[in-house]
Amino acid sequence: MKRVRALRTKVGLISGATVFAGLGLGVTAAPAQAAAAAYSCPSGSICFYTKDDGGGDRCAWDGDDKDWRNGAIKCSWSADKKVRSVYNNGTSGKAVVYYNDSDYKDRKGCTTKGKKGNLAGTYTLRSHKWVNGC
């Protein structure tokens, strides 16, 4: 009788763990929290991210910046990491053009208001400015 009870207990524990895993409890809870933070960007700002889908490190601005490394707002990771995704959470209706070099040189792309996504290339961006359209 003890052997049957022990077997039932093991099966019950395995079944219970499977149910909890299926509900997203336990180990799978952390990725759900990370997904909720994707594309986090203050209203009125342009945000650039080091990972796809708005993940990783973020730098955000609500105005132009001709040099991410030496401007009023410094993007600490811009010299070492590539920009993988972008989100224009601006409120003015303007687009944002971004450049590989400081002083708005070597244009790489443009993102209109409300748009977000992964960049096709791997860019070490250095400057950006708000414009009337792409």
C-alpha atoms as a PDB file:
ATOM      1  CA  MET A   1       0.000   0.000   0.000  1.00  0.00           C
ATOM      2  CA  LYS A   2       2.859   2.400   0.795  1.00  0.00           C
ATOM      3  CA  ARG A   3       4.363   1.913  -2.664  1.00  0.00           C
ATOM      4  CA  VAL A   4       1.073   2.791  -4.407  1.00  0.00           C
ATOM      5  CA  ARG A   5       0.608   5.890  -2.214  1.00  0.00           C
ATOM      6  CA  ALA A   6       4.190   7.047  -2.938  1.00  0.00           C
ATOM      7  CA  LEU A   7       3.619   6.619  -6.676  1.00  0.00           C
ATOM      8  CA  ARG A   8       0.355   8.608  -6.506  1.00  0.00           C
ATOM      9  CA  THR A   9       2.122  11.379  -4.613  1.00  0.00           C
ATOM     10  CA  LYS A  10       4.845  11.646  -7.271  1.00  0.00           C
ATOM     11  CA  VAL A  11       2.279  11.667 -10.088  1.00  0.00           C
ATOM     12  CA  GLY A  12       0.269  14.299  -8.217  1.00  0.00           C
ATOM     13  CA  LEU A  13       3.326  16.528  -7.795  1.00  0.00           C
ATOM     14  CA  ILE A  14       4.259  16.216 -11.458  1.00  0.00           C
ATOM     15  CA  SER A  15       0.688  16.953 -12.557  1.00  0.00           C
ATOM     16  CA  GLY A  16       0.500  19.958 -10.231  1.00  0.00           C
ATOM     17  CA  ALA A  17       3.780  21.356 -11.556  1.00  0.00           C
ATOM     18  CA  THR A  18       2.542  20.930 -15.120  1.00  0.00           C
ATOM     19  CA  VAL A  19      -0.668  22.829 -14.340  1.00  0.00           C
ATOM     20  CA  PHE A  20       1.263  25.700 -12.726  1.00  0.00           C
ATOM     21  CA  ALA A  21       3.678  25.855 -15.659  1.00  0.00           C
ATOM     22  CA  GLY A  22       0.753  25.924 -18.086  1.00  0.00           C
ATOM     23  CA  LEU A  23      -0.739  28.862 -16.197  1.00  0.00           C
ATOM     24  CA  GLY A  24       2.484  30.805 -16.522  1.00  0.00           C
ATOM     25  CA  LEU A  25       3.319  30.589 -12.829  1.00  0.00           C
ATOM     26  CA  GLY A  26       6.761  29.968 -11.442  1.00  0.00           C
ATOM     27  CA  VAL A  27       9.691  30.054 -13.839  1.00  0.00           C
ATOM     28  CA  THR A  28       7.782  31.563 -16.780  1.00  0.00           C
ATOM     29  CA  ALA A  29       6.655  34.678 -14.836  1.00  0.00           C
ATOM     30  CA  ALA A  30       9.892  36.649 -15.437  1.00  0.00           C
ATOM     31  CA  PRO A  31       9.702  36.700 -19.261  1.00  0.00           C
ATOM     32  CA  ALA A  32       6.137  38.017 -19.071  1.00  0.00           C
ATOM     33  CA  GLN A  33       7.368  40.973 -17.003  1.00  0.00           C
ATOM     34  CA  ALA A  34      10.195  41.633 -19.468  1.00  0.00           C
ATOM     35  CA  ALA A  35       7.759  41.615 -22.381  1.00  0.00           C
ATOM     36  CA  ALA A  36       5.579  44.216 -20.665  1.00  0.00           C
ATOM     37  CA  ALA A  37       8.524  46.638 -20.528  1.00  0.00           C
ATOM     38  CA  ALA A  38       9.292  46.371 -24.254  1.00  0.00           C
ATOM     39  CA  TYR A  39       9.071  49.684 -26.095  1.00  0.00           C
ATOM     40  CA  SER A  40       8.815  51.623 -22.846  1.00  0.00           C
ATOM     41  CA  CYS A  41       9.230  55.250 -23.955  1.00  0.00           C
ATOM     42  CA  PRO A  42       8.161  58.522 -22.310  1.00  0.00           C
ATOM     43  CA  SER A  43       5.374  60.410 -24.073  1.00  0.00           C
ATOM     44  CA  GLY A  44       6.774  63.035 -26.437  1.00  0.00           C
ATOM     45  CA  SER A  45      10.105  61.229 -26.873  1.00  0.00           C
ATOM     46  CA  ILE A  46      12.076  59.271 -29.428  1.00  0.00           C
ATOM     47  CA  CYS A  47      13.622  56.130 -27.947  1.00  0.00           C
ATOM     48  CA  PHE A  48      16.419  53.933 -29.255  1.00  0.00           C
ATOM     49  CA  TYR A  49      17.134  50.442 -27.890  1.00  0.00           C
ATOM     50  CA  THR A  50      20.055  47.999 -27.942  1.00  0.00           C
ATOM     51  CA  LYS A  51      17.866  44.947 -28.582  1.00  0.00           C
ATOM     52  CA  ASP A  52      15.057  44.055 -30.966  1.00  0.00           C
ATOM     53  CA  ASP A  53      11.456  44.833 -30.047  1.00  0.00           C
ATOM     54  CA  GLY A  54      12.300  47.701 -27.692  1.00  0.00           C
ATOM     55  CA  GLY A  55      14.424  45.584 -25.395  1.00  0.00           C
ATOM     56  CA  GLY A  56      17.786  46.095 -23.763  1.00  0.00           C
ATOM     57  CA  ASP A  57      19.206  49.483 -22.848  1.00  0.00           C
ATOM     58  CA  ARG A  58      17.315  52.620 -23.859  1.00  0.00           C
ATOM     59  CA  CYS A  59      18.175  56.237 -24.586  1.00  0.00           C
ATOM     60  CA  ALA A  60      15.348  58.779 -24.915  1.00  0.00           C
ATOM     61  CA  TRP A  61      15.091  62.401 -26.056  1.00  0.00           C
ATOM     62  CA  ASP A  62      12.273  64.899 -26.492  1.00  0.00           C
ATOM     63  CA  GLY A  63      14.339  67.143 -28.783  1.00  0.00           C
ATOM     64  CA  ASP A  64      17.146  67.126 -31.348  1.00  0.00           C
ATOM     65  CA  ASP A  65      20.618  65.917 -30.399  1.00  0.00           C
ATOM     66  CA  LYS A  66      23.566  66.530 -32.717  1.00  0.00           C
ATOM     67  CA  ASP A  67      25.936  64.337 -30.693  1.00  0.00           C
ATOM     68  CA  TRP A  68      24.686  61.507 -28.478  1.00  0.00           C
ATOM     69  CA  ARG A  69      28.069  61.193 -26.770  1.00  0.00           C
ATOM     70  CA  ASN A  70      28.710  64.861 -25.992  1.00  0.00           C
ATOM     71  CA  GLY A  71      25.303  66.566 -26.041  1.00  0.00           C
ATOM     72  CA  ALA A  72      23.115  67.738 -23.168  1.00  0.00           C
ATOM     73  CA  ILE A  73      21.728  64.195 -22.908  1.00  0.00           C
ATOM     74  CA  LYS A  74      24.425  61.553 -23.225  1.00  0.00           C
ATOM     75  CA  CYS A  75      23.583  58.061 -24.428  1.00  0.00           C
ATOM     76  CA  SER A  76      26.064  56.029 -22.373  1.00  0.00           C
ATOM     77  CA  TRP A  77      25.986  52.906 -24.533  1.00  0.00           C
ATOM     78  CA  SER A  78      26.029  54.551 -27.995  1.00  0.00           C
ATOM     79  CA  ALA A  79      29.789  54.136 -28.540  1.00  0.00           C
ATOM     80  CA  ASP A  80      29.818  50.412 -27.727  1.00  0.00           C
ATOM     81  CA  LYS A  81      26.428  49.007 -28.723  1.00  0.00           C
ATOM     82  CA  LYS A  82      24.372  48.994 -31.902  1.00  0.00           C
ATOM     83  CA  VAL A  83      20.865  50.413 -32.105  1.00  0.00           C
ATOM     84  CA  ARG A  84      18.501  47.517 -32.861  1.00  0.00           C
ATOM     85  CA  SER A  85      15.052  49.128 -32.487  1.00  0.00           C
ATOM     86  CA  VAL A  86      13.337  52.515 -32.301  1.00  0.00           C
ATOM     87  CA  TYR A  87      10.039  54.027 -31.094  1.00  0.00           C
ATOM     88  CA  ASN A  88       8.807  57.519 -32.009  1.00  0.00           C
ATOM     89  CA  ASN A  89       6.441  58.267 -29.129  1.00  0.00           C
ATOM     90  CA  GLY A  90       6.343  61.941 -30.041  1.00  0.00           C
ATOM     91  CA  THR A  91       3.227  64.059 -29.642  1.00  0.00           C
ATOM     92  CA  SER A  92       3.981  66.830 -32.156  1.00  0.00           C
ATOM     93  CA  GLY A  93       3.248  64.785 -35.277  1.00  0.00           C
ATOM     94  CA  LYS A  94       6.865  65.030 -36.407  1.00  0.00           C
ATOM     95  CA  ALA A  95       9.117  62.282 -37.700  1.00  0.00           C
ATOM     96  CA  VAL A  96      12.652  61.650 -36.464  1.00  0.00           C
ATOM     97  CA  VAL A  97      15.639  61.230 -38.780  1.00  0.00           C
ATOM     98  CA  TYR A  98      18.680  59.459 -37.330  1.00  0.00           C
ATOM     99  CA  TYR A  99      22.297  59.516 -38.429  1.00  0.00           C
ATOM    100  CA  ASN A 100      25.454  57.423 -38.070  1.00  0.00           C
ATOM    101  CA  ASP A 101      27.629  60.461 -37.375  1.00  0.00           C
ATOM    102  CA  SER A 102      27.414  63.539 -35.182  1.00  0.00           C
ATOM    103  CA  ASP A 103      26.148  66.857 -36.604  1.00  0.00           C
ATOM    104  CA  TYR A 104      23.390  65.085 -38.575  1.00  0.00           C
ATOM    105  CA  LYS A 105      25.702  63.371 -41.091  1.00  0.00           C
ATOM    106  CA  ASP A 106      25.263  59.998 -42.823  1.00  0.00           C
ATOM    107  CA  ARG A 107      21.480  59.558 -42.605  1.00  0.00           C
ATOM    108  CA  LYS A 108      20.429  55.993 -41.800  1.00  0.00           C
ATOM    109  CA  GLY A 109      16.673  56.150 -41.347  1.00  0.00           C
ATOM    110  CA  CYS A 110      13.498  57.958 -40.368  1.00  0.00           C
ATOM    111  CA  THR A 111      10.577  56.964 -38.148  1.00  0.00           C
ATOM    112  CA  THR A 112       7.210  58.728 -38.201  1.00  0.00           C
ATOM    113  CA  LYS A 113       5.099  59.564 -35.143  1.00  0.00           C
ATOM    114  CA  GLY A 114       3.669  56.539 -33.343  1.00  0.00           C
ATOM    115  CA  LYS A 115       5.771  53.996 -35.245  1.00  0.00           C
ATOM    116  CA  LYS A 116       8.127  51.487 -33.692  1.00  0.00           C
ATOM    117  CA  GLY A 117      10.127  48.574 -34.952  1.00  0.00           C
ATOM    118  CA  ASN A 118      13.418  46.830 -35.470  1.00  0.00           C
ATOM    119  CA  LEU A 119      16.065  48.410 -37.675  1.00  0.00           C
ATOM    120  CA  ALA A 120      17.075  46.494 -40.794  1.00  0.00           C
ATOM    121  CA  GLY A 121      20.782  47.248 -40.368  1.00  0.00           C
ATOM    122  CA  THR A 122      23.150  47.340 -37.454  1.00  0.00           C
ATOM    123  CA  TYR A 123      23.943  50.966 -36.755  1.00  0.00           C
ATOM    124  CA  THR A 124      26.029  52.793 -34.206  1.00  0.00           C
ATOM    125  CA  LEU A 125      23.921  55.942 -34.337  1.00  0.00           C
ATOM    126  CA  ARG A 126      25.264  59.259 -33.123  1.00  0.00           C
ATOM    127  CA  SER A 127      22.647  61.985 -33.784  1.00  0.00           C
ATOM    128  CA  HIS A 128      18.984  62.598 -34.614  1.00  0.00           C
ATOM    129  CA  LYS A 129      16.547  65.419 -35.302  1.00  0.00           C
ATOM    130  CA  TRP A 130      12.803  65.947 -35.457  1.00  0.00           C
ATOM    131  CA  VAL A 131      11.530  66.840 -38.951  1.00  0.00           C
ATOM    132  CA  ASN A 132       8.178  67.479 -40.633  1.00  0.00           C
ATOM    133  CA  GLY A 133       8.237  64.174 -42.527  1.00  0.00           C
ATOM    134  CA  CYS A 134      10.385  61.342 -43.782  1.00  0.00           C
END
